[in-house]
């Protein structure tokens, strides 16, 4: 039963509902099966792609890739390596859970990302 919303997210993307320029915010729930009683998929990445389209997903992903590049450049410091490890773990976790949209995960993450900018080699 838990995998039903996750399986339905790609169906929403394949129905031609993927918006490039217009706002599709929360239209993913229209595809959900009545038995599932859900408001969307369980993947943060698929949710953002379905809600904002390609033009919203590209900057969303680019932001995290820029953070990964900054952490990779600072990998010789303990903080840079720890942040890179946490970022990799968060991305694996966000495939199965809406962790990139959950404030209790994101508040400490963005505070740590801000501290990453002040780290020197």
PDB file of N, CA and C in Angstrom:
ATOM      1  N   UNK A   1       0.814  -1.198   0.000  1.00  0.00           N
ATOM      2  CA  UNK A   1       0.000   0.000   0.000  1.00  0.00           C
ATOM      3  C   UNK A   1       0.855   1.257   0.000  1.00  0.00           C
ATOM      4  N   UNK A   2       2.027   1.209   0.662  1.00  0.00           N
ATOM      5  CA  UNK A   2       2.889   2.380   0.737  1.00  0.00           C
ATOM      6  C   UNK A   2       3.476   2.740  -0.625  1.00  0.00           C
ATOM      7  N   UNK A   3       3.679   1.769  -1.506  1.00  0.00           N
ATOM      8  CA  UNK A   3       4.291   2.043  -2.800  1.00  0.00           C
ATOM      9  C   UNK A   3       3.306   2.565  -3.837  1.00  0.00           C
ATOM     10  N   UNK A   4       2.023   2.579  -3.548  1.00  0.00           N
ATOM     11  CA  UNK A   4       1.030   3.044  -4.522  1.00  0.00           C
ATOM     12  C   UNK A   4       1.275   4.494  -4.929  1.00  0.00           C
ATOM     13  N   UNK A   5       1.460   5.463  -3.997  1.00  0.00           N
ATOM     14  CA  UNK A   5       1.691   6.834  -4.430  1.00  0.00           C
ATOM     15  C   UNK A   5       2.989   6.980  -5.224  1.00  0.00           C
ATOM     16  N   UNK A   6       4.009   6.214  -4.848  1.00  0.00           N
ATOM     17  CA  UNK A   6       5.276   6.294  -5.555  1.00  0.00           C
ATOM     18  C   UNK A   6       5.133   5.810  -6.989  1.00  0.00           C
ATOM     19  N   UNK A   7       4.338   4.772  -7.201  1.00  0.00           N
ATOM     20  CA  UNK A   7       4.118   4.248  -8.548  1.00  0.00           C
ATOM     21  C   UNK A   7       3.253   5.175  -9.382  1.00  0.00           C
ATOM     22  N   UNK A   8       2.399   5.952  -8.753  1.00  0.00           N
ATOM     23  CA  UNK A   8       1.478   6.811  -9.495  1.00  0.00           C
ATOM     24  C   UNK A   8       2.127   8.112  -9.952  1.00  0.00           C
ATOM     25  N   UNK A   9       3.225   8.521  -9.344  1.00  0.00           N
ATOM     26  CA  UNK A   9       3.875   9.747  -9.755  1.00  0.00           C
ATOM     27  C   UNK A   9       4.360   9.679 -11.202  1.00  0.00           C
ATOM     28  N   UNK A  10       5.045   8.619 -11.641  1.00  0.00           N
ATOM     29  CA  UNK A  10       5.417   8.560 -13.056  1.00  0.00           C
ATOM     30  C   UNK A  10       4.210   8.506 -13.987  1.00  0.00           C
ATOM     31  N   UNK A  11       3.086   7.962 -13.533  1.00  0.00           N
ATOM     32  CA  UNK A  11       1.879   7.970 -14.366  1.00  0.00           C
ATOM     33  C   UNK A  11       1.442   9.392 -14.640  1.00  0.00           C
ATOM     34  N   UNK A  12       1.545  10.236 -13.642  1.00  0.00           N
ATOM     35  CA  UNK A  12       1.181  11.640 -13.809  1.00  0.00           C
ATOM     36  C   UNK A  12       2.107  12.299 -14.824  1.00  0.00           C
ATOM     37  N   UNK A  13       3.369  11.940 -14.781  1.00  0.00           N
ATOM     38  CA  UNK A  13       4.324  12.524 -15.718  1.00  0.00           C
ATOM     39  C   UNK A  13       4.106  12.010 -17.134  1.00  0.00           C
ATOM     40  N   UNK A  14       3.643  10.791 -17.286  1.00  0.00           N
ATOM     41  CA  UNK A  14       3.423  10.208 -18.607  1.00  0.00           C
ATOM     42  C   UNK A  14       2.088  10.602 -19.224  1.00  0.00           C
ATOM     43  N   UNK A  15       1.180  11.176 -18.463  1.00  0.00           N
ATOM     44  CA  UNK A  15      -0.134  11.549 -18.980  1.00  0.00           C
ATOM     45  C   UNK A  15      -0.106  12.855 -19.758  1.00  0.00           C
ATOM     46  N   UNK A  16       1.047  13.403 -20.014  1.00  0.00           N
ATOM     47  CA  UNK A  16       1.124  14.675 -20.702  1.00  0.00           C
ATOM     48  C   UNK A  16       0.857  15.852 -19.789  1.00  0.00           C
ATOM     49  N   UNK A  17       0.845  15.612 -18.505  1.00  0.00           N
ATOM     50  CA  UNK A  17       0.559  16.667 -17.547  1.00  0.00           C
ATOM     51  C   UNK A  17       1.817  17.414 -17.128  1.00  0.00           C
ATOM     52  N   UNK A  18       2.972  16.984 -17.624  1.00  0.00           N
ATOM     53  CA  UNK A  18       4.217  17.632 -17.238  1.00  0.00           C
ATOM     54  C   UNK A  18       4.263  19.022 -17.848  1.00  0.00           C
ATOM     55  N   UNK A  19       4.278  20.016 -17.018  1.00  0.00           N
ATOM     56  CA  UNK A  19       4.229  21.402 -17.474  1.00  0.00           C
ATOM     57  C   UNK A  19       5.642  21.942 -17.632  1.00  0.00           C
ATOM     58  N   UNK A  20       5.875  22.635 -18.719  1.00  0.00           N
ATOM     59  CA  UNK A  20       7.170  23.259 -18.915  1.00  0.00           C
ATOM     60  C   UNK A  20       7.169  24.700 -18.430  1.00  0.00           C
ATOM     61  N   UNK A  21       6.133  25.450 -18.756  1.00  0.00           N
ATOM     62  CA  UNK A  21       6.121  26.867 -18.448  1.00  0.00           C
ATOM     63  C   UNK A  21       5.073  27.262 -17.419  1.00  0.00           C
ATOM     64  N   UNK A  22       4.020  26.494 -17.296  1.00  0.00           N
ATOM     65  CA  UNK A  22       2.951  26.887 -16.384  1.00  0.00           C
ATOM     66  C   UNK A  22       3.099  26.200 -15.037  1.00  0.00           C
ATOM     67  N   UNK A  23       2.370  26.688 -14.086  1.00  0.00           N
ATOM     68  CA  UNK A  23       2.451  26.166 -12.726  1.00  0.00           C
ATOM     69  C   UNK A  23       1.547  24.945 -12.583  1.00  0.00           C
ATOM     70  N   UNK A  24       2.113  23.833 -12.199  1.00  0.00           N
ATOM     71  CA  UNK A  24       1.347  22.605 -11.982  1.00  0.00           C
ATOM     72  C   UNK A  24       1.248  22.302 -10.506  1.00  0.00           C
ATOM     73  N   UNK A  25       1.348  23.297  -9.671  1.00  0.00           N
ATOM     74  CA  UNK A  25       1.471  23.065  -8.232  1.00  0.00           C
ATOM     75  C   UNK A  25       0.332  22.207  -7.703  1.00  0.00           C
ATOM     76  N   UNK A  26       0.699  21.121  -7.128  1.00  0.00           N
ATOM     77  CA  UNK A  26      -0.182  20.165  -6.469  1.00  0.00           C
ATOM     78  C   UNK A  26      -1.232  19.551  -7.386  1.00  0.00           C
ATOM     79  N   UNK A  27      -1.001  19.551  -8.693  1.00  0.00           N
ATOM     80  CA  UNK A  27      -1.932  18.874  -9.599  1.00  0.00           C
ATOM     81  C   UNK A  27      -1.680  17.380  -9.621  1.00  0.00           C
ATOM     82  N   UNK A  28      -0.617  16.933  -8.966  1.00  0.00           N
ATOM     83  CA  UNK A  28      -0.290  15.507  -8.945  1.00  0.00           C
ATOM     84  C   UNK A  28      -1.343  14.708  -8.190  1.00  0.00           C
ATOM     85  N   UNK A  29      -2.032  15.332  -7.257  1.00  0.00           N
ATOM     86  CA  UNK A  29      -3.026  14.592  -6.466  1.00  0.00           C
ATOM     87  C   UNK A  29      -4.235  14.199  -7.297  1.00  0.00           C
ATOM     88  N   UNK A  30      -4.446  14.837  -8.453  1.00  0.00           N
ATOM     89  CA  UNK A  30      -5.573  14.487  -9.310  1.00  0.00           C
ATOM     90  C   UNK A  30      -5.434  13.090  -9.888  1.00  0.00           C
ATOM     91  N   UNK A  31      -4.223  12.592  -9.970  1.00  0.00           N
ATOM     92  CA  UNK A  31      -3.973  11.282 -10.554  1.00  0.00           C
ATOM     93  C   UNK A  31      -4.078  10.177  -9.511  1.00  0.00           C
ATOM     94  N   UNK A  32      -3.995  10.552  -8.244  1.00  0.00           N
ATOM     95  CA  UNK A  32      -3.955   9.558  -7.172  1.00  0.00           C
ATOM     96  C   UNK A  32      -5.224   8.710  -7.165  1.00  0.00           C
ATOM     97  N   UNK A  33      -5.043   7.457  -6.924  1.00  0.00           N
ATOM     98  CA  UNK A  33      -6.152   6.521  -6.828  1.00  0.00           C
ATOM     99  C   UNK A  33      -6.946   6.809  -5.550  1.00  0.00           C
ATOM    100  N   UNK A  34      -8.242   6.677  -5.614  1.00  0.00           N
ATOM    101  CA  UNK A  34      -9.081   6.958  -4.444  1.00  0.00           C
ATOM    102  C   UNK A  34      -8.741   6.040  -3.281  1.00  0.00           C
ATOM    103  N   UNK A  35      -8.270   4.841  -3.586  1.00  0.00           N
ATOM    104  CA  UNK A  35      -7.914   3.908  -2.511  1.00  0.00           C
ATOM    105  C   UNK A  35      -6.640   4.316  -1.799  1.00  0.00           C
ATOM    106  N   UNK A  36      -5.779   5.041  -2.478  1.00  0.00           N
ATOM    107  CA  UNK A  36      -4.490   5.409  -1.898  1.00  0.00           C
ATOM    108  C   UNK A  36      -4.632   6.537  -0.873  1.00  0.00           C
ATOM    109  N   UNK A  37      -5.612   7.412  -1.035  1.00  0.00           N
ATOM    110  CA  UNK A  37      -5.840   8.537  -0.143  1.00  0.00           C
ATOM    111  C   UNK A  37      -4.538   9.285   0.142  1.00  0.00           C
ATOM    112  N   UNK A  38      -3.975   9.838  -0.909  1.00  0.00           N
ATOM    113  CA  UNK A  38      -2.693  10.521  -0.793  1.00  0.00           C
ATOM    114  C   UNK A  38      -2.735  11.842  -1.544  1.00  0.00           C
ATOM    115  N   UNK A  39      -1.812  12.707  -1.259  1.00  0.00           N
ATOM    116  CA  UNK A  39      -1.751  13.986  -1.959  1.00  0.00           C
ATOM    117  C   UNK A  39      -0.601  14.038  -2.938  1.00  0.00           C
ATOM    118  N   UNK A  40       0.119  12.961  -3.120  1.00  0.00           N
ATOM    119  CA  UNK A  40       1.209  12.969  -4.073  1.00  0.00           C
ATOM    120  C   UNK A  40       2.151  11.808  -3.860  1.00  0.00           C
ATOM    121  N   UNK A  41       3.242  11.832  -4.589  1.00  0.00           N
ATOM    122  CA  UNK A  41       4.226  10.775  -4.477  1.00  0.00           C
ATOM    123  C   UNK A  41       5.090  10.939  -3.253  1.00  0.00           C
ATOM    124  N   UNK A  42       5.839   9.934  -2.950  1.00  0.00           N
ATOM    125  CA  UNK A  42       6.702   9.968  -1.781  1.00  0.00           C
ATOM    126  C   UNK A  42       8.134  10.370  -2.116  1.00  0.00           C
ATOM    127  N   UNK A  43       8.427  10.682  -3.344  1.00  0.00           N
ATOM    128  CA  UNK A  43       9.758  11.088  -3.736  1.00  0.00           C
ATOM    129  C   UNK A  43       9.808  12.603  -3.874  1.00  0.00           C
ATOM    130  N   UNK A  44      10.754  13.234  -3.205  1.00  0.00           N
ATOM    131  CA  UNK A  44      10.885  14.686  -3.311  1.00  0.00           C
ATOM    132  C   UNK A  44      11.189  15.115  -4.732  1.00  0.00           C
ATOM    133  N   UNK A  45      12.088  14.397  -5.382  1.00  0.00           N
ATOM    134  CA  UNK A  45      12.491  14.787  -6.729  1.00  0.00           C
ATOM    135  C   UNK A  45      11.339  14.652  -7.722  1.00  0.00           C
ATOM    136  N   UNK A  46      10.598  13.541  -7.659  1.00  0.00           N
ATOM    137  CA  UNK A  46       9.457  13.374  -8.555  1.00  0.00           C
ATOM    138  C   UNK A  46       8.343  14.360  -8.229  1.00  0.00           C
ATOM    139  N   UNK A  47       8.169  14.666  -6.960  1.00  0.00           N
ATOM    140  CA  UNK A  47       7.159  15.636  -6.562  1.00  0.00           C
ATOM    141  C   UNK A  47       7.476  17.020  -7.113  1.00  0.00           C
ATOM    142  N   UNK A  48       8.718  17.466  -6.977  1.00  0.00           N
ATOM    143  CA  UNK A  48       9.105  18.776  -7.482  1.00  0.00           C
ATOM    144  C   UNK A  48       8.995  18.812  -9.005  1.00  0.00           C
ATOM    145  N   UNK A  49       9.393  17.740  -9.665  1.00  0.00           N
ATOM    146  CA  UNK A  49       9.276  17.679 -11.117  1.00  0.00           C
ATOM    147  C   UNK A  49       7.824  17.753 -11.566  1.00  0.00           C
ATOM    148  N   UNK A  50       6.949  17.045 -10.886  1.00  0.00           N
ATOM    149  CA  UNK A  50       5.536  17.039 -11.267  1.00  0.00           C
ATOM    150  C   UNK A  50       4.855  18.360 -10.930  1.00  0.00           C
ATOM    151  N   UNK A  51       5.272  19.011  -9.840  1.00  0.00           N
ATOM    152  CA  UNK A  51       4.601  20.237  -9.421  1.00  0.00           C
ATOM    153  C   UNK A  51       5.084  21.469 -10.171  1.00  0.00           C
ATOM    154  N   UNK A  52       6.363  21.543 -10.482  1.00  0.00           N
ATOM    155  CA  UNK A  52       6.900  22.780 -11.064  1.00  0.00           C
ATOM    156  C   UNK A  52       7.307  22.639 -12.518  1.00  0.00           C
ATOM    157  N   UNK A  53       7.332  21.425 -13.038  1.00  0.00           N
ATOM    158  CA  UNK A  53       7.746  21.241 -14.424  1.00  0.00           C
ATOM    159  C   UNK A  53       9.255  21.259 -14.558  1.00  0.00           C
ATOM    160  N   UNK A  54       9.716  21.176 -15.787  1.00  0.00           N
ATOM    161  CA  UNK A  54      11.157  21.129 -16.033  1.00  0.00           C
ATOM    162  C   UNK A  54      11.849  22.448 -15.702  1.00  0.00           C
ATOM    163  N   UNK A  55      11.145  23.568 -15.937  1.00  0.00           N
ATOM    164  CA  UNK A  55      11.762  24.864 -15.655  1.00  0.00           C
ATOM    165  C   UNK A  55      11.874  25.144 -14.157  1.00  0.00           C
ATOM    166  N   UNK A  56      11.126  24.488 -13.348  1.00  0.00           N
ATOM    167  CA  UNK A  56      11.279  24.604 -11.902  1.00  0.00           C
ATOM    168  C   UNK A  56      12.222  23.562 -11.334  1.00  0.00           C
ATOM    169  N   UNK A  57      12.238  22.392 -11.975  1.00  0.00           N
ATOM    170  CA  UNK A  57      13.081  21.298 -11.484  1.00  0.00           C
ATOM    171  C   UNK A  57      14.560  21.552 -11.756  1.00  0.00           C
ATOM    172  N   UNK A  58      14.865  22.151 -12.899  1.00  0.00           N
ATOM    173  CA  UNK A  58      16.271  22.395 -13.256  1.00  0.00           C
ATOM    174  C   UNK A  58      16.979  23.304 -12.246  1.00  0.00           C
ATOM    175  N   UNK A  59      16.424  24.467 -11.869  1.00  0.00           N
ATOM    176  CA  UNK A  59      17.107  25.271 -10.849  1.00  0.00           C
ATOM    177  C   UNK A  59      17.129  24.607  -9.473  1.00  0.00           C
ATOM    178  N   UNK A  60      16.080  23.842  -9.156  1.00  0.00           N
ATOM    179  CA  UNK A  60      16.036  23.125  -7.883  1.00  0.00           C
ATOM    180  C   UNK A  60      17.197  22.149  -7.791  1.00  0.00           C
ATOM    181  N   UNK A  61      17.421  21.393  -8.854  1.00  0.00           N
ATOM    182  CA  UNK A  61      18.513  20.430  -8.878  1.00  0.00           C
ATOM    183  C   UNK A  61      19.872  21.132  -8.964  1.00  0.00           C
ATOM    184  N   UNK A  62      19.935  22.235  -9.722  1.00  0.00           N
ATOM    185  CA  UNK A  62      21.194  22.976  -9.866  1.00  0.00           C
ATOM    186  C   UNK A  62      21.670  23.539  -8.526  1.00  0.00           C
ATOM    187  N   UNK A  63      20.736  23.954  -7.692  1.00  0.00           N
ATOM    188  CA  UNK A  63      21.094  24.486  -6.377  1.00  0.00           C
ATOM    189  C   UNK A  63      21.821  23.435  -5.544  1.00  0.00           C
ATOM    190  N   UNK A  64      21.307  22.219  -5.553  1.00  0.00           N
ATOM    191  CA  UNK A  64      21.936  21.140  -4.791  1.00  0.00           C
ATOM    192  C   UNK A  64      23.253  20.700  -5.428  1.00  0.00           C
ATOM    193  N   UNK A  65      23.333  20.751  -6.748  1.00  0.00           N
ATOM    194  CA  UNK A  65      24.591  20.404  -7.414  1.00  0.00           C
ATOM    195  C   UNK A  65      25.675  21.438  -7.130  1.00  0.00           C
ATOM    196  N   UNK A  66      25.308  22.709  -7.038  1.00  0.00           N
ATOM    197  CA  UNK A  66      26.287  23.739  -6.671  1.00  0.00           C
ATOM    198  C   UNK A  66      26.787  23.558  -5.240  1.00  0.00           C
ATOM    199  N   UNK A  67      25.875  23.176  -4.347  1.00  0.00           N
ATOM    200  CA  UNK A  67      26.302  22.880  -2.970  1.00  0.00           C
ATOM    201  C   UNK A  67      27.243  21.677  -2.937  1.00  0.00           C
ATOM    202  N   UNK A  68      26.949  20.668  -3.748  1.00  0.00           N
ATOM    203  CA  UNK A  68      27.815  19.485  -3.798  1.00  0.00           C
ATOM    204  C   UNK A  68      29.192  19.858  -4.338  1.00  0.00           C
ATOM    205  N   UNK A  69      29.245  20.736  -5.345  1.00  0.00           N
ATOM    206  CA  UNK A  69      30.536  21.165  -5.892  1.00  0.00           C
ATOM    207  C   UNK A  69      31.340  21.943  -4.854  1.00  0.00           C
ATOM    208  N   UNK A  70      30.661  22.829  -4.108  1.00  0.00           N
ATOM    209  CA  UNK A  70      31.343  23.593  -3.063  1.00  0.00           C
ATOM    210  C   UNK A  70      31.879  22.657  -1.978  1.00  0.00           C
ATOM    211  N   UNK A  71      31.076  21.674  -1.584  1.00  0.00           N
ATOM    212  CA  UNK A  71      31.521  20.713  -0.565  1.00  0.00           C
ATOM    213  C   UNK A  71      32.659  19.855  -1.096  1.00  0.00           C
ATOM    214  N   UNK A  72      32.620  19.522  -2.392  1.00  0.00           N
ATOM    215  CA  UNK A  72      33.696  18.728  -2.986  1.00  0.00           C
ATOM    216  C   UNK A  72      35.008  19.519  -2.991  1.00  0.00           C
ATOM    217  N   UNK A  73      34.919  20.821  -3.270  1.00  0.00           N
ATOM    218  CA  UNK A  73      36.121  21.661  -3.242  1.00  0.00           C
ATOM    219  C   UNK A  73      36.703  21.757  -1.839  1.00  0.00           C
ATOM    220  N   UNK A  74      35.863  21.652  -0.826  1.00  0.00           N
ATOM    221  CA  UNK A  74      36.316  21.738   0.569  1.00  0.00           C
ATOM    222  C   UNK A  74      36.430  20.369   1.232  1.00  0.00           C
ATOM    223  N   UNK A  75      36.558  19.325   0.442  1.00  0.00           N
ATOM    224  CA  UNK A  75      36.549  17.969   1.006  1.00  0.00           C
ATOM    225  C   UNK A  75      37.744  17.683   1.900  1.00  0.00           C
ATOM    226  N   UNK A  76      38.794  18.463   1.799  1.00  0.00           N
ATOM    227  CA  UNK A  76      39.957  18.240   2.663  1.00  0.00           C
ATOM    228  C   UNK A  76      39.706  18.720   4.094  1.00  0.00           C
ATOM    229  N   UNK A  77      38.705  19.564   4.249  1.00  0.00           N
ATOM    230  CA  UNK A  77      38.330  19.978   5.606  1.00  0.00           C
ATOM    231  C   UNK A  77      37.314  18.975   6.138  1.00  0.00           C
ATOM    232  N   UNK A  78      37.249  18.861   7.427  1.00  0.00           N
ATOM    233  CA  UNK A  78      36.294  17.926   8.018  1.00  0.00           C
ATOM    234  C   UNK A  78      34.857  18.335   7.759  1.00  0.00           C
ATOM    235  N   UNK A  79      34.612  19.646   7.781  1.00  0.00           N
ATOM    236  CA  UNK A  79      33.247  20.123   7.574  1.00  0.00           C
ATOM    237  C   UNK A  79      32.778  19.882   6.143  1.00  0.00           C
ATOM    238  N   UNK A  80      33.648  20.132   5.169  1.00  0.00           N
ATOM    239  CA  UNK A  80      33.286  19.916   3.769  1.00  0.00           C
ATOM    240  C   UNK A  80      32.990  18.455   3.478  1.00  0.00           C
ATOM    241  N   UNK A  81      33.806  17.576   4.009  1.00  0.00           N
ATOM    242  CA  UNK A  81      33.598  16.139   3.797  1.00  0.00           C
ATOM    243  C   UNK A  81      32.330  15.656   4.507  1.00  0.00           C
ATOM    244  N   UNK A  82      32.083  16.165   5.699  1.00  0.00           N
ATOM    245  CA  UNK A  82      30.866  15.800   6.423  1.00  0.00           C
ATOM    246  C   UNK A  82      29.617  16.304   5.722  1.00  0.00           C
ATOM    247  N   UNK A  83      29.675  17.523   5.192  1.00  0.00           N
ATOM    248  CA  UNK A  83      28.525  18.074   4.474  1.00  0.00           C
ATOM    249  C   UNK A  83      28.268  17.294   3.190  1.00  0.00           C
ATOM    250  N   UNK A  84      29.323  16.929   2.489  1.00  0.00           N
ATOM    251  CA  UNK A  84      29.171  16.140   1.261  1.00  0.00           C
ATOM    252  C   UNK A  84      28.556  14.778   1.562  1.00  0.00           C
ATOM    253  N   UNK A  85      28.974  14.164   2.650  1.00  0.00           N
ATOM    254  CA  UNK A  85      28.390  12.875   3.054  1.00  0.00           C
ATOM    255  C   UNK A  85      26.919  13.023   3.416  1.00  0.00           C
ATOM    256  N   UNK A  86      26.590  14.084   4.140  1.00  0.00           N
ATOM    257  CA  UNK A  86      25.191  14.326   4.508  1.00  0.00           C
ATOM    258  C   UNK A  86      24.341  14.608   3.278  1.00  0.00           C
ATOM    259  N   UNK A  87      24.894  15.335   2.316  1.00  0.00           N
ATOM    260  CA  UNK A  87      24.164  15.639   1.088  1.00  0.00           C
ATOM    261  C   UNK A  87      23.894  14.376   0.278  1.00  0.00           C
ATOM    262  N   UNK A  88      24.877  13.499   0.194  1.00  0.00           N
ATOM    263  CA  UNK A  88      24.675  12.220  -0.512  1.00  0.00           C
ATOM    264  C   UNK A  88      23.612  11.384   0.189  1.00  0.00           C
ATOM    265  N   UNK A  89      23.674  11.324   1.502  1.00  0.00           N
ATOM    266  CA  UNK A  89      22.672  10.581   2.258  1.00  0.00           C
ATOM    267  C   UNK A  89      21.277  11.174   2.104  1.00  0.00           C
ATOM    268  N   UNK A  90      21.194  12.500   2.085  1.00  0.00           N
ATOM    269  CA  UNK A  90      19.902  13.160   1.919  1.00  0.00           C
ATOM    270  C   UNK A  90      19.314  12.870   0.542  1.00  0.00           C
ATOM    271  N   UNK A  91      20.157  12.815  -0.486  1.00  0.00           N
ATOM    272  CA  UNK A  91      19.643  12.532  -1.823  1.00  0.00           C
ATOM    273  C   UNK A  91      19.172  11.093  -1.968  1.00  0.00           C
ATOM    274  N   UNK A  92      19.837  10.170  -1.338  1.00  0.00           N
ATOM    275  CA  UNK A  92      19.342   8.788  -1.351  1.00  0.00           C
ATOM    276  C   UNK A  92      18.020   8.720  -0.596  1.00  0.00           C
ATOM    277  N   UNK A  93      17.939   9.432   0.530  1.00  0.00           N
ATOM    278  CA  UNK A  93      16.723   9.433   1.330  1.00  0.00           C
ATOM    279  C   UNK A  93      15.556  10.100   0.597  1.00  0.00           C
ATOM    280  N   UNK A  94      15.830  11.148  -0.190  1.00  0.00           N
ATOM    281  CA  UNK A  94      14.746  11.888  -0.847  1.00  0.00           C
ATOM    282  C   UNK A  94      14.139  11.112  -2.010  1.00  0.00           C
ATOM    283  N   UNK A  95      14.761  10.028  -2.432  1.00  0.00           N
ATOM    284  CA  UNK A  95      14.165   9.194  -3.481  1.00  0.00           C
ATOM    285  C   UNK A  95      12.919   8.495  -2.941  1.00  0.00           C
ATOM    286  N   UNK A  96      12.912   8.194  -1.663  1.00  0.00           N
ATOM    287  CA  UNK A  96      11.829   7.415  -1.065  1.00  0.00           C
ATOM    288  C   UNK A  96      10.920   8.211  -0.142  1.00  0.00           C
ATOM    289  N   UNK A  97      11.357   9.370   0.323  1.00  0.00           N
ATOM    290  CA  UNK A  97      10.620  10.170   1.294  1.00  0.00           C
ATOM    291  C   UNK A  97      10.683  11.631   0.849  1.00  0.00           C
ATOM    292  N   UNK A  98       9.700  12.425   1.231  1.00  0.00           N
ATOM    293  CA  UNK A  98       9.690  13.851   0.887  1.00  0.00           C
ATOM    294  C   UNK A  98      10.629  14.648   1.794  1.00  0.00           C
ATOM    295  N   UNK A  99      11.848  14.220   1.940  1.00  0.00           N
ATOM    296  CA  UNK A  99      12.748  14.860   2.887  1.00  0.00           C
ATOM    297  C   UNK A  99      13.212  16.241   2.429  1.00  0.00           C
ATOM    298  N   UNK A 100      13.260  16.507   1.121  1.00  0.00           N
ATOM    299  CA  UNK A 100      13.680  17.825   0.657  1.00  0.00           C
ATOM    300  C   UNK A 100      12.574  18.861   0.793  1.00  0.00           C
ATOM    301  N   UNK A 101      11.395  18.443   1.167  1.00  0.00           N
ATOM    302  CA  UNK A 101      10.277  19.367   1.346  1.00  0.00           C
ATOM    303  C   UNK A 101       9.818  19.417   2.809  1.00  0.00           C
ATOM    304  N   UNK A 102      10.523  18.742   3.686  1.00  0.00           N
ATOM    305  CA  UNK A 102      10.134  18.632   5.089  1.00  0.00           C
ATOM    306  C   UNK A 102      10.973  19.606   5.915  1.00  0.00           C
ATOM    307  N   UNK A 103      10.353  20.588   6.578  1.00  0.00           N
ATOM    308  CA  UNK A 103      11.111  21.628   7.285  1.00  0.00           C
ATOM    309  C   UNK A 103      12.039  21.114   8.374  1.00  0.00           C
ATOM    310  N   UNK A 104      11.678  20.025   9.051  1.00  0.00           N
ATOM    311  CA  UNK A 104      12.556  19.536  10.116  1.00  0.00           C
ATOM    312  C   UNK A 104      13.858  18.951   9.574  1.00  0.00           C
ATOM    313  N   UNK A 105      13.874  18.544   8.316  1.00  0.00           N
ATOM    314  CA  UNK A 105      15.125  18.133   7.670  1.00  0.00           C
ATOM    315  C   UNK A 105      15.846  19.340   7.087  1.00  0.00           C
ATOM    316  N   UNK A 106      15.084  20.252   6.505  1.00  0.00           N
ATOM    317  CA  UNK A 106      15.704  21.320   5.732  1.00  0.00           C
ATOM    318  C   UNK A 106      16.271  22.452   6.581  1.00  0.00           C
ATOM    319  N   UNK A 107      15.700  22.736   7.732  1.00  0.00           N
ATOM    320  CA  UNK A 107      16.215  23.828   8.564  1.00  0.00           C
ATOM    321  C   UNK A 107      17.670  23.582   8.977  1.00  0.00           C
ATOM    322  N   UNK A 108      18.014  22.435   9.551  1.00  0.00           N
ATOM    323  CA  UNK A 108      19.429  22.201   9.876  1.00  0.00           C
ATOM    324  C   UNK A 108      20.307  22.103   8.628  1.00  0.00           C
ATOM    325  N   UNK A 109      19.732  21.571   7.534  1.00  0.00           N
ATOM    326  CA  UNK A 109      20.516  21.445   6.314  1.00  0.00           C
ATOM    327  C   UNK A 109      20.920  22.808   5.772  1.00  0.00           C
ATOM    328  N   UNK A 110      19.984  23.760   5.711  1.00  0.00           N
ATOM    329  CA  UNK A 110      20.314  25.071   5.143  1.00  0.00           C
ATOM    330  C   UNK A 110      21.185  25.885   6.086  1.00  0.00           C
ATOM    331  N   UNK A 111      21.065  25.683   7.372  1.00  0.00           N
ATOM    332  CA  UNK A 111      21.998  26.329   8.303  1.00  0.00           C
ATOM    333  C   UNK A 111      23.406  25.793   8.060  1.00  0.00           C
ATOM    334  N   UNK A 112      23.521  24.495   7.879  1.00  0.00           N
ATOM    335  CA  UNK A 112      24.833  23.885   7.582  1.00  0.00           C
ATOM    336  C   UNK A 112      25.360  24.342   6.230  1.00  0.00           C
ATOM    337  N   UNK A 113      24.484  24.523   5.255  1.00  0.00           N
ATOM    338  CA  UNK A 113      24.912  25.012   3.948  1.00  0.00           C
ATOM    339  C   UNK A 113      25.433  26.430   4.039  1.00  0.00           C
ATOM    340  N   UNK A 114      24.812  27.244   4.879  1.00  0.00           N
ATOM    341  CA  UNK A 114      25.313  28.601   5.087  1.00  0.00           C
ATOM    342  C   UNK A 114      26.685  28.618   5.742  1.00  0.00           C
ATOM    343  N   UNK A 115      26.900  27.687   6.670  1.00  0.00           N
ATOM    344  CA  UNK A 115      28.209  27.586   7.306  1.00  0.00           C
ATOM    345  C   UNK A 115      29.262  27.047   6.356  1.00  0.00           C
ATOM    346  N   UNK A 116      28.837  26.314   5.336  1.00  0.00           N
ATOM    347  CA  UNK A 116      29.776  25.794   4.342  1.00  0.00           C
ATOM    348  C   UNK A 116      30.452  26.943   3.591  1.00  0.00           C
ATOM    349  N   UNK A 117      29.693  28.011   3.356  1.00  0.00           N
ATOM    350  CA  UNK A 117      30.266  29.173   2.653  1.00  0.00           C
ATOM    351  C   UNK A 117      31.326  29.888   3.448  1.00  0.00           C
ATOM    352  N   UNK A 118      31.314  29.769   4.773  1.00  0.00           N
ATOM    353  CA  UNK A 118      32.303  30.437   5.595  1.00  0.00           C
ATOM    354  C   UNK A 118      33.505  29.564   5.912  1.00  0.00           C
ATOM    355  N   UNK A 119      33.510  28.323   5.424  1.00  0.00           N
ATOM    356  CA  UNK A 119      34.621  27.410   5.683  1.00  0.00           C
ATOM    357  C   UNK A 119      35.772  27.713   4.738  1.00  0.00           C
ATOM    358  N   UNK A 120      36.976  27.760   5.269  1.00  0.00           N
ATOM    359  CA  UNK A 120      38.180  28.011   4.455  1.00  0.00           C
ATOM    360  C   UNK A 120      39.017  26.744   4.411  1.00  0.00           C
ATOM    361  N   UNK A 121      39.761  26.625   3.314  1.00  0.00           N
ATOM    362  CA  UNK A 121      40.671  25.456   3.186  1.00  0.00           C
ATOM    363  C   UNK A 121      41.890  25.639   4.024  1.00  0.00           C
TER     364      UNK A 121
END
